[in-house]
Amino acid sequence: MRNDNRHWVIARRPSGDLTTGDLEFRQGPRPVAGKGQIVVRNEWLSLDPTNRLWMQEADTYLPAIPLGQPMRGFVVGKVVDHGDQENFAIGSYVMGIGSWSDYSCGPVANFFPMFDVANASPKDLLGYYYHIAPTAYFGLLDIGQPKIGETLVVSTAAGAVGSIAAQLGKVWGCRVIGIAGGKEKCDWLINDLGLDGAIDYKSEKLSDRLRALCPNGVDVFFDNVGGQMLNTVLNQVNIKGRVVLCGGISAYGKNGRDDTPGNYLRLIVQRIRAEGFVVLDYLARYPEALRAIATLHGEGRLKWRYHDVDSLEDAEAACIDLYAGRNHGKVMVKIADA
């Protein structure tokens, strides 16, 4: 077990997309739990699009991170110091909001006991069961409200949340079209996940391909991008269609500033319902999602893949690749062995 603590801190606010030097890799002593805190020896760190939002100066659904402080991240690991907290035993597994570091030190409220899901590893529990699959599950089920025979379109369909949303759409009887960047990702969507079609937005004209693949229009759009992609798909959404506003990657490099949807009147004319959400809204219903996800995964009807990063030192570069779409699966950073 390490006695030092390698960690990434926010060195400067990104002015656009994340670039080398916005974060700084430092080394210091292993933290000690203060009053109301625990220290977790991180085993896995999840890298997610929302990380870029957390780097901006303004608060989002979580408070902004001060400059010079450790970068926030979702982690899983073992408790090594519980201070005055008796509800977490030394050596017990926990998950929660920690930091890009060997050891996360934070308020006990930031962590909770690792989910108890049969045959699921700590990596799977953090990578998909913690926030990814529940986001897709609740967003599509509650906001998208898919019906058998409807057409569902998913942006960033080869990404972590998008791939789960697309597969759930198939399970729930929809015709599903995925939007992704690159031939390999589109082939994976069709050949491995069984989608009905895929659009490579990097090499194909989105509006033309949407009309070709969705001749009867779009009933549900699960959107992770926003921007011009949202505008384009809105032009194909049917009367009484639903738009699940899950993410806005196109605006993350603009510190959350975006002027879409530009064709706002389309929402009115087509009577489209567009609703945003954060998975934290559904914490009370998590057991429902975990049971459904575990069952479908166990039956082979829900698949996922990882893009593993083998060292904490490479976390910044891996996050830059994530925003550039160079990852192939859920990005996970291996920090320590069990």
C-alpha atoms as a PDB file:
ATOM      1  CA  MET A   1       0.000   0.000   0.000  1.00  0.00           C
ATOM      2  CA  ARG A   2       1.369   3.427  -0.990  1.00  0.00           C
ATOM      3  CA  ASN A   3       2.312   5.944   1.710  1.00  0.00           C
ATOM      4  CA  ASP A   4       2.268   8.850  -0.755  1.00  0.00           C
ATOM      5  CA  ASN A   5      -0.635  10.218  -2.755  1.00  0.00           C
ATOM      6  CA  ARG A   6      -0.376  10.995  -6.454  1.00  0.00           C
ATOM      7  CA  HIS A   7      -3.176  13.280  -7.560  1.00  0.00           C
ATOM      8  CA  TRP A   8      -4.384  15.569 -10.336  1.00  0.00           C
ATOM      9  CA  VAL A   9      -5.398  19.123  -9.465  1.00  0.00           C
ATOM     10  CA  ILE A  10      -7.072  21.846 -11.529  1.00  0.00           C
ATOM     11  CA  ALA A  11      -4.226  24.137 -12.583  1.00  0.00           C
ATOM     12  CA  ARG A  12      -6.306  26.490 -14.759  1.00  0.00           C
ATOM     13  CA  ARG A  13      -9.812  26.833 -16.101  1.00  0.00           C
ATOM     14  CA  PRO A  14     -10.064  25.391 -19.623  1.00  0.00           C
ATOM     15  CA  SER A  15     -10.918  28.111 -22.139  1.00  0.00           C
ATOM     16  CA  GLY A  16     -12.380  25.589 -24.577  1.00  0.00           C
ATOM     17  CA  ASP A  17     -11.779  21.896 -24.908  1.00  0.00           C
ATOM     18  CA  LEU A  18      -9.622  20.305 -22.234  1.00  0.00           C
ATOM     19  CA  THR A  19      -5.939  20.598 -23.159  1.00  0.00           C
ATOM     20  CA  THR A  20      -2.665  19.393 -21.681  1.00  0.00           C
ATOM     21  CA  GLY A  21      -1.751  21.548 -18.711  1.00  0.00           C
ATOM     22  CA  ASP A  22      -5.280  22.383 -17.550  1.00  0.00           C
ATOM     23  CA  LEU A  23      -4.664  19.706 -14.932  1.00  0.00           C
ATOM     24  CA  GLU A  24      -1.418  19.192 -13.043  1.00  0.00           C
ATOM     25  CA  PHE A  25      -0.065  15.901 -11.689  1.00  0.00           C
ATOM     26  CA  ARG A  26       1.298  16.237  -8.175  1.00  0.00           C
ATOM     27  CA  GLN A  27       2.561  14.045  -5.366  1.00  0.00           C
ATOM     28  CA  GLY A  28       2.067  14.509  -1.635  1.00  0.00           C
ATOM     29  CA  PRO A  29       1.516  12.648   1.607  1.00  0.00           C
ATOM     30  CA  ARG A  30      -1.284  10.176   2.039  1.00  0.00           C
ATOM     31  CA  PRO A  31      -4.307  12.058   3.450  1.00  0.00           C
ATOM     32  CA  VAL A  32      -5.622  11.575   6.969  1.00  0.00           C
ATOM     33  CA  ALA A  33      -9.349  11.572   7.642  1.00  0.00           C
ATOM     34  CA  GLY A  34     -10.594  14.615   9.528  1.00  0.00           C
ATOM     35  CA  LYS A  35     -13.847  15.034  11.368  1.00  0.00           C
ATOM     36  CA  GLY A  36     -16.701  13.614   9.321  1.00  0.00           C
ATOM     37  CA  GLN A  37     -14.371  12.249   6.618  1.00  0.00           C
ATOM     38  CA  ILE A  38     -13.090   8.929   5.317  1.00  0.00           C
ATOM     39  CA  VAL A  39     -10.055   8.041   3.204  1.00  0.00           C
ATOM     40  CA  VAL A  40     -10.522   5.584   0.339  1.00  0.00           C
ATOM     41  CA  ARG A  41      -7.731   3.761  -1.474  1.00  0.00           C
ATOM     42  CA  ASN A  42      -9.007   4.084  -5.040  1.00  0.00           C
ATOM     43  CA  GLU A  43      -8.925   1.026  -7.287  1.00  0.00           C
ATOM     44  CA  TRP A  44     -10.792   2.400 -10.298  1.00  0.00           C
ATOM     45  CA  LEU A  45     -11.568   5.914 -11.505  1.00  0.00           C
ATOM     46  CA  SER A  46     -14.341   6.618 -14.010  1.00  0.00           C
ATOM     47  CA  LEU A  47     -13.735   9.290 -16.679  1.00  0.00           C
ATOM     48  CA  ASP A  48     -16.931  10.884 -17.960  1.00  0.00           C
ATOM     49  CA  PRO A  49     -18.003  13.773 -20.217  1.00  0.00           C
ATOM     50  CA  THR A  50     -19.364  15.613 -17.176  1.00  0.00           C
ATOM     51  CA  ASN A  51     -15.787  15.998 -15.899  1.00  0.00           C
ATOM     52  CA  ARG A  52     -15.339  18.981 -18.235  1.00  0.00           C
ATOM     53  CA  LEU A  53     -18.339  20.748 -16.688  1.00  0.00           C
ATOM     54  CA  TRP A  54     -16.829  20.355 -13.232  1.00  0.00           C
ATOM     55  CA  MET A  55     -13.704  22.236 -14.345  1.00  0.00           C
ATOM     56  CA  GLN A  56     -15.528  25.474 -15.046  1.00  0.00           C
ATOM     57  CA  GLU A  57     -15.734  28.336 -12.567  1.00  0.00           C
ATOM     58  CA  ALA A  58     -19.509  28.273 -12.192  1.00  0.00           C
ATOM     59  CA  ASP A  59     -21.439  25.733 -10.148  1.00  0.00           C
ATOM     60  CA  THR A  60     -23.348  23.008 -11.999  1.00  0.00           C
ATOM     61  CA  TYR A  61     -25.406  20.319 -10.269  1.00  0.00           C
ATOM     62  CA  LEU A  62     -22.327  20.070  -8.012  1.00  0.00           C
ATOM     63  CA  PRO A  63     -20.250  22.957  -6.601  1.00  0.00           C
ATOM     64  CA  ALA A  64     -17.349  24.237  -8.696  1.00  0.00           C
ATOM     65  CA  ILE A  65     -13.893  22.917  -7.814  1.00  0.00           C
ATOM     66  CA  PRO A  66     -11.477  25.643  -6.608  1.00  0.00           C
ATOM     67  CA  LEU A  67      -8.237  26.065  -8.547  1.00  0.00           C
ATOM     68  CA  GLY A  68      -5.397  24.028  -7.086  1.00  0.00           C
ATOM     69  CA  GLN A  69      -7.769  21.459  -5.593  1.00  0.00           C
ATOM     70  CA  PRO A  70      -7.944  17.770  -6.608  1.00  0.00           C
ATOM     71  CA  MET A  71      -9.980  16.951  -9.697  1.00  0.00           C
ATOM     72  CA  ARG A  72     -13.301  15.327  -8.838  1.00  0.00           C
ATOM     73  CA  GLY A  73     -14.200  11.867 -10.121  1.00  0.00           C
ATOM     74  CA  PHE A  74     -16.331   8.806  -9.476  1.00  0.00           C
ATOM     75  CA  VAL A  75     -14.287   6.099  -7.733  1.00  0.00           C
ATOM     76  CA  VAL A  76     -14.505   2.689  -6.128  1.00  0.00           C
ATOM     77  CA  GLY A  77     -12.082   1.391  -3.535  1.00  0.00           C
ATOM     78  CA  LYS A  78     -11.473   0.327   0.055  1.00  0.00           C
ATOM     79  CA  VAL A  79     -11.687   2.414   3.219  1.00  0.00           C
ATOM     80  CA  VAL A  80      -8.269   2.837   4.867  1.00  0.00           C
ATOM     81  CA  ASP A  81      -9.120   5.550   7.420  1.00  0.00           C
ATOM     82  CA  HIS A  82     -12.546   6.349   8.819  1.00  0.00           C
ATOM     83  CA  GLY A  83     -11.683   9.060  11.347  1.00  0.00           C
ATOM     84  CA  ASP A  84     -14.641   9.420  13.692  1.00  0.00           C
ATOM     85  CA  GLN A  85     -17.017   7.577  11.350  1.00  0.00           C
ATOM     86  CA  GLU A  86     -18.095   4.155  12.570  1.00  0.00           C
ATOM     87  CA  ASN A  87     -20.407   3.259   9.683  1.00  0.00           C
ATOM     88  CA  PHE A  88     -17.515   2.381   7.334  1.00  0.00           C
ATOM     89  CA  ALA A  89     -15.217  -0.401   8.483  1.00  0.00           C
ATOM     90  CA  ILE A  90     -11.565  -0.406   7.493  1.00  0.00           C
ATOM     91  CA  GLY A  91     -11.202  -2.589   4.402  1.00  0.00           C
ATOM     92  CA  SER A  92     -14.829  -2.254   3.310  1.00  0.00           C
ATOM     93  CA  TYR A  93     -15.601  -1.366  -0.317  1.00  0.00           C
ATOM     94  CA  VAL A  94     -17.255   1.959  -1.041  1.00  0.00           C
ATOM     95  CA  MET A  95     -18.214   3.950  -4.124  1.00  0.00           C
ATOM     96  CA  GLY A  96     -18.819   7.628  -4.590  1.00  0.00           C
ATOM     97  CA  ILE A  97     -17.499  11.058  -5.463  1.00  0.00           C
ATOM     98  CA  GLY A  98     -13.773  11.064  -4.839  1.00  0.00           C
ATOM     99  CA  SER A  99     -10.787  12.453  -6.689  1.00  0.00           C
ATOM    100  CA  TRP A 100      -8.296  11.644  -9.444  1.00  0.00           C
ATOM    101  CA  SER A 101      -5.780  10.259  -6.968  1.00  0.00           C
ATOM    102  CA  ASP A 102      -4.392   7.205  -5.222  1.00  0.00           C
ATOM    103  CA  TYR A 103      -6.446   8.117  -2.168  1.00  0.00           C
ATOM    104  CA  SER A 104      -9.699  10.030  -1.994  1.00  0.00           C
ATOM    105  CA  CYS A 105     -10.370  11.963   1.200  1.00  0.00           C
ATOM    106  CA  GLY A 106     -13.795  13.491   1.581  1.00  0.00           C
ATOM    107  CA  PRO A 107     -16.988  13.841   3.595  1.00  0.00           C
ATOM    108  CA  VAL A 108     -18.632  10.591   4.531  1.00  0.00           C
ATOM    109  CA  ALA A 109     -21.748  11.782   2.682  1.00  0.00           C
ATOM    110  CA  ASN A 110     -19.837  11.509  -0.623  1.00  0.00           C
ATOM    111  CA  PHE A 111     -19.566   7.727  -0.311  1.00  0.00           C
ATOM    112  CA  PHE A 112     -21.814   4.717   0.175  1.00  0.00           C
ATOM    113  CA  PRO A 113     -21.297   0.935   0.462  1.00  0.00           C
ATOM    114  CA  MET A 114     -20.597  -0.736  -2.864  1.00  0.00           C
ATOM    115  CA  PHE A 115     -23.697  -2.140  -4.548  1.00  0.00           C
ATOM    116  CA  ASP A 116     -24.466  -5.789  -3.913  1.00  0.00           C
ATOM    117  CA  VAL A 117     -25.030  -7.207  -7.392  1.00  0.00           C
ATOM    118  CA  ALA A 118     -24.335 -10.894  -7.960  1.00  0.00           C
ATOM    119  CA  ASN A 119     -21.290 -11.665 -10.131  1.00  0.00           C
ATOM    120  CA  ALA A 120     -20.512  -7.962 -10.667  1.00  0.00           C
ATOM    121  CA  SER A 121     -16.929  -6.809 -10.154  1.00  0.00           C
ATOM    122  CA  PRO A 122     -16.011  -3.472  -8.534  1.00  0.00           C
ATOM    123  CA  LYS A 123     -15.071  -2.280 -12.027  1.00  0.00           C
ATOM    124  CA  ASP A 124     -18.522  -3.128 -13.432  1.00  0.00           C
ATOM    125  CA  LEU A 125     -20.267  -1.644 -10.419  1.00  0.00           C
ATOM    126  CA  LEU A 126     -18.480   1.671 -10.886  1.00  0.00           C
ATOM    127  CA  GLY A 127     -18.280   1.605 -14.661  1.00  0.00           C
ATOM    128  CA  TYR A 128     -21.892   0.800 -15.499  1.00  0.00           C
ATOM    129  CA  TYR A 129     -24.073   0.151 -12.461  1.00  0.00           C
ATOM    130  CA  TYR A 130     -23.201   3.345 -10.572  1.00  0.00           C
ATOM    131  CA  HIS A 131     -24.274   6.141 -12.917  1.00  0.00           C
ATOM    132  CA  ILE A 132     -24.050   5.044 -16.557  1.00  0.00           C
ATOM    133  CA  ALA A 133     -26.741   2.385 -16.932  1.00  0.00           C
ATOM    134  CA  PRO A 134     -29.192   4.035 -14.480  1.00  0.00           C
ATOM    135  CA  THR A 135     -28.877   7.276 -16.456  1.00  0.00           C
ATOM    136  CA  ALA A 136     -29.861   5.464 -19.652  1.00  0.00           C
ATOM    137  CA  TYR A 137     -32.571   3.441 -17.891  1.00  0.00           C
ATOM    138  CA  PHE A 138     -34.403   6.286 -16.156  1.00  0.00           C
ATOM    139  CA  GLY A 139     -33.906   8.782 -18.962  1.00  0.00           C
ATOM    140  CA  LEU A 140     -35.352   6.500 -21.610  1.00  0.00           C
ATOM    141  CA  LEU A 141     -38.059   4.900 -19.454  1.00  0.00           C
ATOM    142  CA  ASP A 142     -39.423   7.965 -17.668  1.00  0.00           C
ATOM    143  CA  ILE A 143     -38.779  10.769 -20.161  1.00  0.00           C
ATOM    144  CA  GLY A 144     -38.557   8.937 -23.486  1.00  0.00           C
ATOM    145  CA  GLN A 145     -41.492   6.660 -22.671  1.00  0.00           C
ATOM    146  CA  PRO A 146     -40.775   4.345 -25.634  1.00  0.00           C
ATOM    147  CA  LYS A 147     -43.567   2.294 -27.121  1.00  0.00           C
ATOM    148  CA  ILE A 148     -43.334  -0.915 -29.142  1.00  0.00           C
ATOM    149  CA  GLY A 149     -42.785  -0.162 -32.811  1.00  0.00           C
ATOM    150  CA  GLU A 150     -41.608   3.413 -32.318  1.00  0.00           C
ATOM    151  CA  THR A 151     -38.372   4.782 -33.769  1.00  0.00           C
ATOM    152  CA  LEU A 152     -35.688   5.753 -31.265  1.00  0.00           C
ATOM    153  CA  VAL A 153     -32.586   7.720 -32.268  1.00  0.00           C
ATOM    154  CA  VAL A 154     -29.617   7.924 -29.881  1.00  0.00           C
ATOM    155  CA  SER A 155     -26.679  10.330 -30.203  1.00  0.00           C
ATOM    156  CA  THR A 156     -23.210   9.201 -29.058  1.00  0.00           C
ATOM    157  CA  ALA A 157     -24.734   5.738 -29.340  1.00  0.00           C
ATOM    158  CA  ALA A 158     -21.333   4.061 -29.076  1.00  0.00           C
ATOM    159  CA  GLY A 159     -20.610   5.859 -25.811  1.00  0.00           C
ATOM    160  CA  ALA A 160     -21.288   4.451 -22.375  1.00  0.00           C
ATOM    161  CA  VAL A 161     -24.731   5.954 -21.702  1.00  0.00           C
ATOM    162  CA  GLY A 162     -25.746   5.980 -25.360  1.00  0.00           C
ATOM    163  CA  SER A 163     -24.976   2.312 -25.925  1.00  0.00           C
ATOM    164  CA  ILE A 164     -27.087   1.287 -22.935  1.00  0.00           C
ATOM    165  CA  ALA A 165     -29.977   3.540 -23.997  1.00  0.00           C
ATOM    166  CA  ALA A 166     -29.868   2.106 -27.519  1.00  0.00           C
ATOM    167  CA  GLN A 167     -29.921  -1.492 -26.277  1.00  0.00           C
ATOM    168  CA  LEU A 168     -32.740  -0.773 -23.842  1.00  0.00           C
ATOM    169  CA  GLY A 169     -34.681   0.662 -26.757  1.00  0.00           C
ATOM    170  CA  LYS A 170     -34.304  -2.647 -28.586  1.00  0.00           C
ATOM    171  CA  VAL A 171     -35.318  -4.606 -25.463  1.00  0.00           C
ATOM    172  CA  TRP A 172     -38.426  -2.441 -25.134  1.00  0.00           C
ATOM    173  CA  GLY A 173     -39.492  -3.030 -28.736  1.00  0.00           C
ATOM    174  CA  CYS A 174     -38.265   0.037 -30.596  1.00  0.00           C
ATOM    175  CA  ARG A 175     -36.589   0.393 -33.943  1.00  0.00           C
ATOM    176  CA  VAL A 176     -33.260   1.965 -32.967  1.00  0.00           C
ATOM    177  CA  ILE A 177     -30.877   4.142 -34.988  1.00  0.00           C
ATOM    178  CA  GLY A 178     -27.568   5.180 -33.445  1.00  0.00           C
ATOM    179  CA  ILE A 179     -25.412   8.211 -34.260  1.00  0.00           C
ATOM    180  CA  ALA A 180     -21.678   7.751 -33.710  1.00  0.00           C
ATOM    181  CA  GLY A 181     -18.336   8.935 -35.004  1.00  0.00           C
ATOM    182  CA  GLY A 182     -16.403   6.551 -37.219  1.00  0.00           C
ATOM    183  CA  LYS A 183     -16.946   3.303 -39.102  1.00  0.00           C
ATOM    184  CA  GLU A 184     -15.688   1.047 -36.301  1.00  0.00           C
ATOM    185  CA  LYS A 185     -18.208   2.445 -33.834  1.00  0.00           C
ATOM    186  CA  CYS A 186     -21.070   2.233 -36.306  1.00  0.00           C
ATOM    187  CA  ASP A 187     -20.161  -1.363 -37.200  1.00  0.00           C
ATOM    188  CA  TRP A 188     -20.114  -2.229 -33.488  1.00  0.00           C
ATOM    189  CA  LEU A 189     -23.587  -0.752 -33.032  1.00  0.00           C
ATOM    190  CA  ILE A 190     -25.043  -2.851 -35.820  1.00  0.00           C
ATOM    191  CA  ASN A 191     -23.040  -6.079 -35.618  1.00  0.00           C
ATOM    192  CA  ASP A 192     -22.606  -6.397 -31.858  1.00  0.00           C
ATOM    193  CA  LEU A 193     -25.486  -4.459 -30.318  1.00  0.00           C
ATOM    194  CA  GLY A 194     -28.059  -5.291 -32.986  1.00  0.00           C
ATOM    195  CA  LEU A 195     -29.213  -1.771 -33.821  1.00  0.00           C
ATOM    196  CA  ASP A 196     -31.336  -1.300 -36.924  1.00  0.00           C
ATOM    197  CA  GLY A 197     -29.041   1.319 -38.379  1.00  0.00           C
ATOM    198  CA  ALA A 198     -26.153   3.635 -37.609  1.00  0.00           C
ATOM    199  CA  ILE A 199     -25.084   7.048 -38.891  1.00  0.00           C
ATOM    200  CA  ASP A 200     -21.447   8.101 -38.996  1.00  0.00           C
ATOM    201  CA  TYR A 201     -21.764  11.837 -38.422  1.00  0.00           C
ATOM    202  CA  LYS A 202     -18.094  12.295 -39.355  1.00  0.00           C
ATOM    203  CA  SER A 203     -18.490  11.023 -42.912  1.00  0.00           C
ATOM    204  CA  GLU A 204     -22.237  11.151 -43.648  1.00  0.00           C
ATOM    205  CA  LYS A 205     -24.730  13.998 -43.848  1.00  0.00           C
ATOM    206  CA  LEU A 206     -26.892  13.550 -40.786  1.00  0.00           C
ATOM    207  CA  SER A 207     -30.103  15.030 -42.207  1.00  0.00           C
ATOM    208  CA  ASP A 208     -30.001  12.868 -45.337  1.00  0.00           C
ATOM    209  CA  ARG A 209     -29.231   9.668 -43.448  1.00  0.00           C
ATOM    210  CA  LEU A 210     -31.954  10.367 -40.897  1.00  0.00           C
ATOM    211  CA  ARG A 211     -34.542  10.694 -43.649  1.00  0.00           C
ATOM    212  CA  ALA A 212     -33.300   7.465 -45.247  1.00  0.00           C
ATOM    213  CA  LEU A 213     -33.191   5.416 -42.032  1.00  0.00           C
ATOM    214  CA  CYS A 214     -36.254   6.960 -40.372  1.00  0.00           C
ATOM    215  CA  PRO A 215     -38.799   7.238 -43.214  1.00  0.00           C
ATOM    216  CA  ASN A 216     -41.642   7.494 -40.693  1.00  0.00           C
ATOM    217  CA  GLY A 217     -39.880  10.103 -38.583  1.00  0.00           C
ATOM    218  CA  VAL A 218     -38.406   9.945 -35.092  1.00  0.00           C
ATOM    219  CA  ASP A 219     -40.580   9.276 -32.059  1.00  0.00           C
ATOM    220  CA  VAL A 220     -37.926   9.447 -29.335  1.00  0.00           C
ATOM    221  CA  PHE A 221     -34.527  11.141 -29.423  1.00  0.00           C
ATOM    222  CA  PHE A 222     -32.090  10.336 -26.608  1.00  0.00           C
ATOM    223  CA  ASP A 223     -29.637  13.215 -26.871  1.00  0.00           C
ATOM    224  CA  ASN A 224     -26.169  13.433 -25.355  1.00  0.00           C
ATOM    225  CA  VAL A 225     -24.795  16.133 -27.663  1.00  0.00           C
ATOM    226  CA  GLY A 226     -27.037  19.171 -28.137  1.00  0.00           C
ATOM    227  CA  GLY A 227     -25.877  21.829 -30.585  1.00  0.00           C
ATOM    228  CA  GLN A 228     -26.424  21.434 -34.303  1.00  0.00           C
ATOM    229  CA  MET A 229     -27.012  17.708 -33.956  1.00  0.00           C
ATOM    230  CA  LEU A 230     -30.047  18.391 -31.778  1.00  0.00           C
ATOM    231  CA  ASN A 231     -31.322  20.970 -34.274  1.00  0.00           C
ATOM    232  CA  THR A 232     -30.982  18.512 -37.136  1.00  0.00           C
ATOM    233  CA  VAL A 233     -32.752  15.636 -35.403  1.00  0.00           C
ATOM    234  CA  LEU A 234     -35.561  17.914 -34.202  1.00  0.00           C
ATOM    235  CA  ASN A 235     -36.460  18.473 -37.856  1.00  0.00           C
ATOM    236  CA  GLN A 236     -37.345  14.770 -38.068  1.00  0.00           C
ATOM    237  CA  VAL A 237     -39.182  14.356 -34.745  1.00  0.00           C
ATOM    238  CA  ASN A 238     -42.843  13.439 -35.089  1.00  0.00           C
ATOM    239  CA  ILE A 239     -45.854  15.112 -33.518  1.00  0.00           C
ATOM    240  CA  LYS A 240     -45.944  14.309 -29.791  1.00  0.00           C
ATOM    241  CA  GLY A 241     -42.342  13.078 -29.957  1.00  0.00           C
ATOM    242  CA  ARG A 242     -40.118  13.060 -26.877  1.00  0.00           C
ATOM    243  CA  VAL A 243     -36.563  14.337 -26.539  1.00  0.00           C
ATOM    244  CA  VAL A 244     -34.475  13.085 -23.616  1.00  0.00           C
ATOM    245  CA  LEU A 245     -31.957  15.809 -22.783  1.00  0.00           C
ATOM    246  CA  CYS A 246     -29.250  13.716 -21.146  1.00  0.00           C
ATOM    247  CA  GLY A 247     -26.072  15.611 -22.053  1.00  0.00           C
ATOM    248  CA  GLY A 248     -24.657  18.448 -24.101  1.00  0.00           C
ATOM    249  CA  ILE A 249     -21.149  17.526 -25.153  1.00  0.00           C
ATOM    250  CA  SER A 250     -21.190  20.168 -27.875  1.00  0.00           C
ATOM    251  CA  ALA A 251     -21.397  22.880 -25.181  1.00  0.00           C
ATOM    252  CA  TYR A 252     -19.010  21.444 -22.589  1.00  0.00           C
ATOM    253  CA  GLY A 253     -16.007  23.091 -24.226  1.00  0.00           C
ATOM    254  CA  LYS A 254     -17.907  26.403 -24.138  1.00  0.00           C
ATOM    255  CA  ASN A 255     -18.320  26.235 -20.353  1.00  0.00           C
ATOM    256  CA  GLY A 256     -21.924  25.177 -20.806  1.00  0.00           C
ATOM    257  CA  ARG A 257     -22.941  28.101 -23.035  1.00  0.00           C
ATOM    258  CA  ASP A 258     -25.095  27.053 -25.965  1.00  0.00           C
ATOM    259  CA  ASP A 259     -27.834  28.654 -28.035  1.00  0.00           C
ATOM    260  CA  THR A 260     -29.606  25.485 -29.146  1.00  0.00           C
ATOM    261  CA  PRO A 261     -32.237  24.424 -29.908  1.00  0.00           C
ATOM    262  CA  GLY A 262     -32.090  26.979 -32.695  1.00  0.00           C
ATOM    263  CA  ASN A 263     -35.297  25.700 -34.284  1.00  0.00           C
ATOM    264  CA  TYR A 264     -37.290  26.237 -31.097  1.00  0.00           C
ATOM    265  CA  LEU A 265     -40.558  26.627 -33.017  1.00  0.00           C
ATOM    266  CA  ARG A 266     -40.283  22.986 -34.074  1.00  0.00           C
ATOM    267  CA  LEU A 267     -40.964  22.046 -30.451  1.00  0.00           C
ATOM    268  CA  ILE A 268     -44.196  24.010 -30.573  1.00  0.00           C
ATOM    269  CA  VAL A 269     -45.438  23.034 -34.017  1.00  0.00           C
ATOM    270  CA  GLN A 270     -44.816  19.329 -33.446  1.00  0.00           C
ATOM    271  CA  ARG A 271     -45.890  19.462 -29.786  1.00  0.00           C
ATOM    272  CA  ILE A 272     -42.573  17.870 -28.818  1.00  0.00           C
ATOM    273  CA  ARG A 273     -41.771  17.332 -25.160  1.00  0.00           C
ATOM    274  CA  ALA A 274     -38.098  17.894 -24.317  1.00  0.00           C
ATOM    275  CA  GLU A 275     -36.977  17.315 -20.744  1.00  0.00           C
ATOM    276  CA  GLY A 276     -33.613  17.370 -19.028  1.00  0.00           C
ATOM    277  CA  PHE A 277     -32.636  15.316 -16.001  1.00  0.00           C
ATOM    278  CA  VAL A 278     -29.745  14.243 -13.785  1.00  0.00           C
ATOM    279  CA  VAL A 279     -29.534  10.672 -12.533  1.00  0.00           C
ATOM    280  CA  LEU A 280     -29.239  11.974  -8.956  1.00  0.00           C
ATOM    281  CA  ASP A 281     -32.969  12.706  -9.264  1.00  0.00           C
ATOM    282  CA  TYR A 282     -33.621   8.948  -9.180  1.00  0.00           C
ATOM    283  CA  LEU A 283     -31.563   7.765  -6.210  1.00  0.00           C
ATOM    284  CA  ALA A 284     -34.663   6.484  -4.403  1.00  0.00           C
ATOM    285  CA  ARG A 285     -35.442   4.199  -7.368  1.00  0.00           C
ATOM    286  CA  TYR A 286     -31.928   2.837  -7.888  1.00  0.00           C
ATOM    287  CA  PRO A 287     -32.797  -0.726  -6.776  1.00  0.00           C
ATOM    288  CA  GLU A 288     -35.306  -0.903  -9.647  1.00  0.00           C
ATOM    289  CA  ALA A 289     -32.650   0.014 -12.201  1.00  0.00           C
ATOM    290  CA  LEU A 290     -30.001  -2.271 -10.708  1.00  0.00           C
ATOM    291  CA  ARG A 291     -32.328  -5.289 -10.852  1.00  0.00           C
ATOM    292  CA  ALA A 292     -33.288  -4.600 -14.461  1.00  0.00           C
ATOM    293  CA  ILE A 293     -29.695  -3.989 -15.574  1.00  0.00           C
ATOM    294  CA  ALA A 294     -28.347  -7.072 -13.793  1.00  0.00           C
ATOM    295  CA  THR A 295     -31.053  -9.288 -15.277  1.00  0.00           C
ATOM    296  CA  LEU A 296     -30.555  -8.050 -18.837  1.00  0.00           C
ATOM    297  CA  HIS A 297     -26.764  -8.218 -18.586  1.00  0.00           C
ATOM    298  CA  GLY A 298     -26.933 -11.728 -17.163  1.00  0.00           C
ATOM    299  CA  GLU A 299     -29.158 -12.803 -20.050  1.00  0.00           C
ATOM    300  CA  GLY A 300     -26.741 -11.332 -22.592  1.00  0.00           C
ATOM    301  CA  ARG A 301     -29.301  -8.761 -23.751  1.00  0.00           C
ATOM    302  CA  LEU A 302     -27.285  -5.821 -22.441  1.00  0.00           C
ATOM    303  CA  LYS A 303     -23.627  -5.576 -23.437  1.00  0.00           C
ATOM    304  CA  TRP A 304     -20.876  -3.146 -22.601  1.00  0.00           C
ATOM    305  CA  ARG A 305     -17.229  -2.603 -23.314  1.00  0.00           C
ATOM    306  CA  TYR A 306     -14.382  -0.709 -21.684  1.00  0.00           C
ATOM    307  CA  HIS A 307     -11.547   1.519 -22.772  1.00  0.00           C
ATOM    308  CA  ASP A 308      -9.034   0.833 -20.008  1.00  0.00           C
ATOM    309  CA  VAL A 309      -6.261   3.217 -18.996  1.00  0.00           C
ATOM    310  CA  ASP A 310      -3.505   1.454 -17.080  1.00  0.00           C
ATOM    311  CA  SER A 311      -2.064   4.292 -15.007  1.00  0.00           C
ATOM    312  CA  LEU A 312      -3.214   7.343 -13.083  1.00  0.00           C
ATOM    313  CA  GLU A 313      -0.527   9.420 -14.818  1.00  0.00           C
ATOM    314  CA  ASP A 314      -2.388   8.992 -18.117  1.00  0.00           C
ATOM    315  CA  ALA A 315      -5.758  10.221 -16.828  1.00  0.00           C
ATOM    316  CA  GLU A 316      -5.550  13.722 -18.333  1.00  0.00           C
ATOM    317  CA  ALA A 317      -4.535  12.409 -21.765  1.00  0.00           C
ATOM    318  CA  ALA A 318      -7.321   9.813 -21.607  1.00  0.00           C
ATOM    319  CA  CYS A 319      -9.877  12.503 -20.780  1.00  0.00           C
ATOM    320  CA  ILE A 320      -8.706  14.598 -23.738  1.00  0.00           C
ATOM    321  CA  ASP A 321      -9.129  11.527 -25.967  1.00  0.00           C
ATOM    322  CA  LEU A 322     -12.620  10.980 -24.542  1.00  0.00           C
ATOM    323  CA  TYR A 323     -13.760  14.463 -25.637  1.00  0.00           C
ATOM    324  CA  ALA A 324     -12.207  13.905 -29.044  1.00  0.00           C
ATOM    325  CA  GLY A 325     -14.105  10.625 -29.449  1.00  0.00           C
ATOM    326  CA  ARG A 326     -10.960   8.511 -29.611  1.00  0.00           C
ATOM    327  CA  ASN A 327     -12.161   6.085 -26.950  1.00  0.00           C
ATOM    328  CA  HIS A 328     -13.812   2.765 -27.718  1.00  0.00           C
ATOM    329  CA  GLY A 329     -15.936   2.025 -24.674  1.00  0.00           C
ATOM    330  CA  LYS A 330     -16.402   3.308 -21.138  1.00  0.00           C
ATOM    331  CA  VAL A 331     -13.156   4.980 -20.038  1.00  0.00           C
ATOM    332  CA  MET A 332     -11.839   3.555 -16.780  1.00  0.00           C
ATOM    333  CA  VAL A 333      -8.503   4.292 -15.099  1.00  0.00           C
ATOM    334  CA  LYS A 334      -6.882   1.467 -13.139  1.00  0.00           C
ATOM    335  CA  ILE A 335      -5.263   2.940 -10.037  1.00  0.00           C
ATOM    336  CA  ALA A 336      -4.540  -0.052  -7.759  1.00  0.00           C
ATOM    337  CA  ASP A 337      -5.139  -3.768  -7.470  1.00  0.00           C
ATOM    338  CA  ALA A 338      -7.659  -5.123  -5.007  1.00  0.00           C
END
